[in-house]
Amino acid sequence: MAAYNYFGQSYGGPYYPVGYQPMVQPQMQSAQQIQQAAQPMQTAQSQPSIIWISSEYEAERYPVAPNTAITLWSTSEPVVYLKQADPTGKPTLKTYDLVERTQSVPVASQAQGDKKVIYATKDDLEVVVGAIKGISGDIEQMKGDLYGMAGRKKTVSRKPKDDEEVEE
């Protein structure tokens, strides 16, 4: 099929504007292009295993990608910073002091053996329950006394003093 340009002249192929590239159909792509598209993109960037910083200010300003955590080592003091970012990208910074361990850590089973566990007997619990019942009875009696006082009217009786005269 012949195509015509603006001037009505015929040439062998279709006419396309300058800079236009026809869209290639997937079935027309070469096998090499298909293989390249199938290979996963390698976007993982290798970071150094230890990141050295000079101050906490620098640790606060160090960029962290969302959903990641990095460890920052201080060159000026025995401190390690753990900087994390949540899915929204909001960073948090935790500071850990590096302290030399001077003793070996005791084994957990030895530490539990040193503690003496004392259990309460049934008789001990019955004594506690009895004391609580006695206290609750005292509280109920006090409530009754207070409610009884509130219901009664106080009458003030005035007795004459020895020095006063009583009028009849």
C-alpha atoms as a PDB file:
ATOM      1  CA  MET A   1       0.000   0.000   0.000  1.00  0.00           C
ATOM      2  CA  ALA A   2       1.414   3.321  -0.984  1.00  0.00           C
ATOM      3  CA  ALA A   3       1.266   6.369   1.258  1.00  0.00           C
ATOM      4  CA  TYR A   4       1.090   9.965   0.187  1.00  0.00           C
ATOM      5  CA  ASN A   5       2.806  12.972   1.731  1.00  0.00           C
ATOM      6  CA  TYR A   6       1.333  16.449   2.012  1.00  0.00           C
ATOM      7  CA  PHE A   7       2.190  17.245  -1.568  1.00  0.00           C
ATOM      8  CA  GLY A   8       0.347  14.258  -2.973  1.00  0.00           C
ATOM      9  CA  GLN A   9       3.560  12.433  -3.846  1.00  0.00           C
ATOM     10  CA  SER A  10       3.584   8.722  -3.334  1.00  0.00           C
ATOM     11  CA  TYR A  11       6.368   6.817  -1.588  1.00  0.00           C
ATOM     12  CA  GLY A  12       6.767   3.199  -0.545  1.00  0.00           C
ATOM     13  CA  GLY A  13       5.951   3.245   3.179  1.00  0.00           C
ATOM     14  CA  PRO A  14       3.379   4.807   5.466  1.00  0.00           C
ATOM     15  CA  TYR A  15       3.825   8.465   6.342  1.00  0.00           C
ATOM     16  CA  TYR A  16       4.713   9.266   9.975  1.00  0.00           C
ATOM     17  CA  PRO A  17       5.385  12.707  11.492  1.00  0.00           C
ATOM     18  CA  VAL A  18       8.966  13.527  12.494  1.00  0.00           C
ATOM     19  CA  GLY A  19       9.900  11.895  15.845  1.00  0.00           C
ATOM     20  CA  TYR A  20       7.047   9.385  15.759  1.00  0.00           C
ATOM     21  CA  GLN A  21       7.926   5.773  16.349  1.00  0.00           C
ATOM     22  CA  PRO A  22       5.274   3.156  15.732  1.00  0.00           C
ATOM     23  CA  MET A  23       4.295   0.965  18.675  1.00  0.00           C
ATOM     24  CA  VAL A  24       5.780  -2.487  18.332  1.00  0.00           C
ATOM     25  CA  GLN A  25       3.345  -5.300  18.980  1.00  0.00           C
ATOM     26  CA  PRO A  26       4.442  -7.855  21.620  1.00  0.00           C
ATOM     27  CA  GLN A  27       4.447 -10.724  19.125  1.00  0.00           C
ATOM     28  CA  MET A  28       6.892  -8.794  16.949  1.00  0.00           C
ATOM     29  CA  GLN A  29       9.480  -8.286  19.716  1.00  0.00           C
ATOM     30  CA  SER A  30      12.662 -10.230  19.412  1.00  0.00           C
ATOM     31  CA  ALA A  31      13.438 -13.118  21.724  1.00  0.00           C
ATOM     32  CA  GLN A  32      16.325 -11.155  23.229  1.00  0.00           C
ATOM     33  CA  GLN A  33      14.022  -8.290  24.280  1.00  0.00           C
ATOM     34  CA  ILE A  34      11.630 -10.749  25.917  1.00  0.00           C
ATOM     35  CA  GLN A  35      14.459 -12.382  27.879  1.00  0.00           C
ATOM     36  CA  GLN A  36      15.727  -9.006  29.092  1.00  0.00           C
ATOM     37  CA  ALA A  37      12.248  -8.028  30.282  1.00  0.00           C
ATOM     38  CA  ALA A  38      11.827 -11.325  32.131  1.00  0.00           C
ATOM     39  CA  GLN A  39      15.035 -10.856  34.145  1.00  0.00           C
ATOM     40  CA  PRO A  40      14.375  -9.128  37.490  1.00  0.00           C
ATOM     41  CA  MET A  41      15.793  -5.687  37.916  1.00  0.00           C
ATOM     42  CA  GLN A  42      18.672  -5.586  40.368  1.00  0.00           C
ATOM     43  CA  THR A  43      17.960  -2.511  42.457  1.00  0.00           C
ATOM     44  CA  ALA A  44      19.500  -3.634  45.733  1.00  0.00           C
ATOM     45  CA  GLN A  45      22.228  -1.226  46.646  1.00  0.00           C
ATOM     46  CA  SER A  46      24.980  -2.543  48.820  1.00  0.00           C
ATOM     47  CA  GLN A  47      25.517  -0.464  51.923  1.00  0.00           C
ATOM     48  CA  PRO A  48      28.630  -0.633  54.045  1.00  0.00           C
ATOM     49  CA  SER A  49      28.325  -2.999  56.987  1.00  0.00           C
ATOM     50  CA  ILE A  50      29.385  -0.279  59.448  1.00  0.00           C
ATOM     51  CA  ILE A  51      28.325   3.336  59.054  1.00  0.00           C
ATOM     52  CA  TRP A  52      30.497   5.705  61.082  1.00  0.00           C
ATOM     53  CA  ILE A  53      29.160   9.058  62.261  1.00  0.00           C
ATOM     54  CA  SER A  54      30.654  11.754  64.477  1.00  0.00           C
ATOM     55  CA  SER A  55      27.699  12.910  66.600  1.00  0.00           C
ATOM     56  CA  GLU A  56      24.071  12.377  67.576  1.00  0.00           C
ATOM     57  CA  TYR A  57      23.168  15.368  65.424  1.00  0.00           C
ATOM     58  CA  GLU A  58      24.544  13.536  62.401  1.00  0.00           C
ATOM     59  CA  ALA A  59      22.636  10.390  63.404  1.00  0.00           C
ATOM     60  CA  GLU A  60      19.393  12.361  63.550  1.00  0.00           C
ATOM     61  CA  ARG A  61      20.026  13.771  60.082  1.00  0.00           C
ATOM     62  CA  TYR A  62      21.076  10.471  58.460  1.00  0.00           C
ATOM     63  CA  PRO A  63      18.475   9.451  55.838  1.00  0.00           C
ATOM     64  CA  VAL A  64      16.537   6.199  56.254  1.00  0.00           C
ATOM     65  CA  ALA A  65      14.177   4.652  53.707  1.00  0.00           C
ATOM     66  CA  PRO A  66      10.678   3.608  54.832  1.00  0.00           C
ATOM     67  CA  ASN A  67      10.446   0.152  56.473  1.00  0.00           C
ATOM     68  CA  THR A  68      14.196  -0.049  57.089  1.00  0.00           C
ATOM     69  CA  ALA A  69      16.577   0.123  60.020  1.00  0.00           C
ATOM     70  CA  ILE A  70      20.269   0.973  60.116  1.00  0.00           C
ATOM     71  CA  THR A  71      22.941   0.941  62.785  1.00  0.00           C
ATOM     72  CA  LEU A  72      25.152   4.009  63.103  1.00  0.00           C
ATOM     73  CA  TRP A  73      28.422   3.783  65.036  1.00  0.00           C
ATOM     74  CA  SER A  74      29.828   6.844  66.776  1.00  0.00           C
ATOM     75  CA  THR A  75      33.503   7.721  66.244  1.00  0.00           C
ATOM     76  CA  SER A  76      33.594  10.129  69.203  1.00  0.00           C
ATOM     77  CA  GLU A  77      32.033   8.102  72.023  1.00  0.00           C
ATOM     78  CA  PRO A  78      31.104   4.465  72.861  1.00  0.00           C
ATOM     79  CA  VAL A  79      27.583   4.735  71.474  1.00  0.00           C
ATOM     80  CA  VAL A  80      25.574   2.953  68.793  1.00  0.00           C
ATOM     81  CA  TYR A  81      22.473   4.505  67.249  1.00  0.00           C
ATOM     82  CA  LEU A  82      19.617   2.453  65.791  1.00  0.00           C
ATOM     83  CA  LYS A  83      17.632   4.503  63.291  1.00  0.00           C
ATOM     84  CA  GLN A  84      14.370   3.032  61.994  1.00  0.00           C
ATOM     85  CA  ALA A  85      11.626   4.317  59.719  1.00  0.00           C
ATOM     86  CA  ASP A  86       8.011   3.156  59.733  1.00  0.00           C
ATOM     87  CA  PRO A  87       6.021   2.507  56.516  1.00  0.00           C
ATOM     88  CA  THR A  88       5.185   6.215  56.243  1.00  0.00           C
ATOM     89  CA  GLY A  89       8.871   7.144  56.451  1.00  0.00           C
ATOM     90  CA  LYS A  90       8.755   8.649  59.960  1.00  0.00           C
ATOM     91  CA  PRO A  91      12.148   7.982  61.575  1.00  0.00           C
ATOM     92  CA  THR A  92      12.902   7.070  65.185  1.00  0.00           C
ATOM     93  CA  LEU A  93      16.335   7.068  66.781  1.00  0.00           C
ATOM     94  CA  LYS A  94      17.390   4.907  69.733  1.00  0.00           C
ATOM     95  CA  THR A  95      20.734   5.293  71.495  1.00  0.00           C
ATOM     96  CA  TYR A  96      22.615   2.358  73.006  1.00  0.00           C
ATOM     97  CA  ASP A  97      25.711   2.704  75.188  1.00  0.00           C
ATOM     98  CA  LEU A  98      28.516   0.251  74.588  1.00  0.00           C
ATOM     99  CA  VAL A  99      29.672  -1.079  77.953  1.00  0.00           C
ATOM    100  CA  GLU A 100      32.359  -3.687  78.418  1.00  0.00           C
ATOM    101  CA  ARG A 101      31.182  -6.843  80.131  1.00  0.00           C
ATOM    102  CA  THR A 102      33.582  -7.599  82.980  1.00  0.00           C
ATOM    103  CA  GLN A 103      31.956 -10.830  84.191  1.00  0.00           C
ATOM    104  CA  SER A 104      30.562 -13.824  82.428  1.00  0.00           C
ATOM    105  CA  VAL A 105      26.786 -13.927  82.196  1.00  0.00           C
ATOM    106  CA  PRO A 106      25.219 -16.377  84.687  1.00  0.00           C
ATOM    107  CA  VAL A 107      23.262 -19.232  83.200  1.00  0.00           C
ATOM    108  CA  ALA A 108      19.491 -18.860  83.621  1.00  0.00           C
ATOM    109  CA  SER A 109      19.091 -22.178  85.467  1.00  0.00           C
ATOM    110  CA  GLN A 110      21.695 -21.141  88.072  1.00  0.00           C
ATOM    111  CA  ALA A 111      19.962 -17.795  88.608  1.00  0.00           C
ATOM    112  CA  GLN A 112      16.624 -19.489  89.264  1.00  0.00           C
ATOM    113  CA  GLY A 113      18.197 -21.913  91.724  1.00  0.00           C
ATOM    114  CA  ASP A 114      19.338 -19.035  93.962  1.00  0.00           C
ATOM    115  CA  LYS A 115      15.808 -17.711  94.450  1.00  0.00           C
ATOM    116  CA  LYS A 116      13.674 -19.282  97.155  1.00  0.00           C
ATOM    117  CA  VAL A 117       9.990 -19.476  96.341  1.00  0.00           C
ATOM    118  CA  ILE A 118       7.552 -19.472  99.249  1.00  0.00           C
ATOM    119  CA  TYR A 119       3.947 -20.507  98.666  1.00  0.00           C
ATOM    120  CA  ALA A 120       0.944 -19.699 100.878  1.00  0.00           C
ATOM    121  CA  THR A 121      -0.879 -22.661 102.371  1.00  0.00           C
ATOM    122  CA  LYS A 122      -4.655 -23.112 102.406  1.00  0.00           C
ATOM    123  CA  ASP A 123      -4.723 -22.234 106.118  1.00  0.00           C
ATOM    124  CA  ASP A 124      -2.877 -18.971 105.410  1.00  0.00           C
ATOM    125  CA  LEU A 125      -5.449 -18.045 102.753  1.00  0.00           C
ATOM    126  CA  GLU A 126      -8.355 -18.856 105.098  1.00  0.00           C
ATOM    127  CA  VAL A 127      -6.886 -16.492 107.709  1.00  0.00           C
ATOM    128  CA  VAL A 128      -6.690 -13.713 105.092  1.00  0.00           C
ATOM    129  CA  VAL A 129     -10.273 -14.360 103.945  1.00  0.00           C
ATOM    130  CA  GLY A 130     -11.496 -14.209 107.561  1.00  0.00           C
ATOM    131  CA  ALA A 131      -9.721 -10.912 108.132  1.00  0.00           C
ATOM    132  CA  ILE A 132     -11.270  -9.446 104.977  1.00  0.00           C
ATOM    133  CA  LYS A 133     -14.749 -10.586 106.038  1.00  0.00           C
ATOM    134  CA  GLY A 134     -14.228  -8.980 109.472  1.00  0.00           C
ATOM    135  CA  ILE A 135     -13.121  -5.701 107.913  1.00  0.00           C
ATOM    136  CA  SER A 136     -16.052  -5.689 105.481  1.00  0.00           C
ATOM    137  CA  GLY A 137     -18.452  -6.265 108.420  1.00  0.00           C
ATOM    138  CA  ASP A 138     -16.920  -3.302 110.263  1.00  0.00           C
ATOM    139  CA  ILE A 139     -17.324  -1.142 107.155  1.00  0.00           C
ATOM    140  CA  GLU A 140     -20.990  -2.109 106.801  1.00  0.00           C
ATOM    141  CA  GLN A 141     -21.618  -1.218 110.452  1.00  0.00           C
ATOM    142  CA  MET A 142     -19.920   2.159 109.986  1.00  0.00           C
ATOM    143  CA  LYS A 143     -22.086   2.829 106.929  1.00  0.00           C
ATOM    144  CA  GLY A 144     -25.196   2.017 108.943  1.00  0.00           C
ATOM    145  CA  ASP A 145     -24.110   4.338 111.738  1.00  0.00           C
ATOM    146  CA  LEU A 146     -23.435   7.170 109.275  1.00  0.00           C
ATOM    147  CA  TYR A 147     -26.766   6.698 107.488  1.00  0.00           C
ATOM    148  CA  GLY A 148     -28.563   6.570 110.839  1.00  0.00           C
ATOM    149  CA  MET A 149     -26.991   9.838 111.948  1.00  0.00           C
ATOM    150  CA  ALA A 150     -27.917  11.542 108.731  1.00  0.00           C
ATOM    151  CA  GLY A 151     -31.572  10.551 109.123  1.00  0.00           C
ATOM    152  CA  ARG A 152     -31.986  11.869 112.654  1.00  0.00           C
ATOM    153  CA  LYS A 153     -32.340  15.542 113.482  1.00  0.00           C
ATOM    154  CA  LYS A 154     -30.031  16.824 116.107  1.00  0.00           C
ATOM    155  CA  THR A 155     -31.772  18.559 118.945  1.00  0.00           C
ATOM    156  CA  VAL A 156     -29.719  21.036 120.813  1.00  0.00           C
ATOM    157  CA  SER A 157     -30.574  21.239 124.429  1.00  0.00           C
ATOM    158  CA  ARG A 158     -29.176  24.083 126.306  1.00  0.00           C
ATOM    159  CA  LYS A 159     -28.574  23.699 129.941  1.00  0.00           C
ATOM    160  CA  PRO A 160     -28.014  26.823 131.921  1.00  0.00           C
ATOM    161  CA  LYS A 161     -24.659  27.314 133.373  1.00  0.00           C
ATOM    162  CA  ASP A 162     -24.223  27.797 137.038  1.00  0.00           C
ATOM    163  CA  ASP A 163     -23.633  31.519 136.613  1.00  0.00           C
ATOM    164  CA  GLU A 164     -26.755  32.155 134.509  1.00  0.00           C
ATOM    165  CA  GLU A 165     -30.185  32.737 135.857  1.00  0.00           C
ATOM    166  CA  VAL A 166     -33.114  30.902 134.437  1.00  0.00           C
ATOM    167  CA  GLU A 167     -36.256  32.911 133.780  1.00  0.00           C
ATOM    168  CA  GLU A 168     -39.516  31.335 134.614  1.00  0.00           C
END
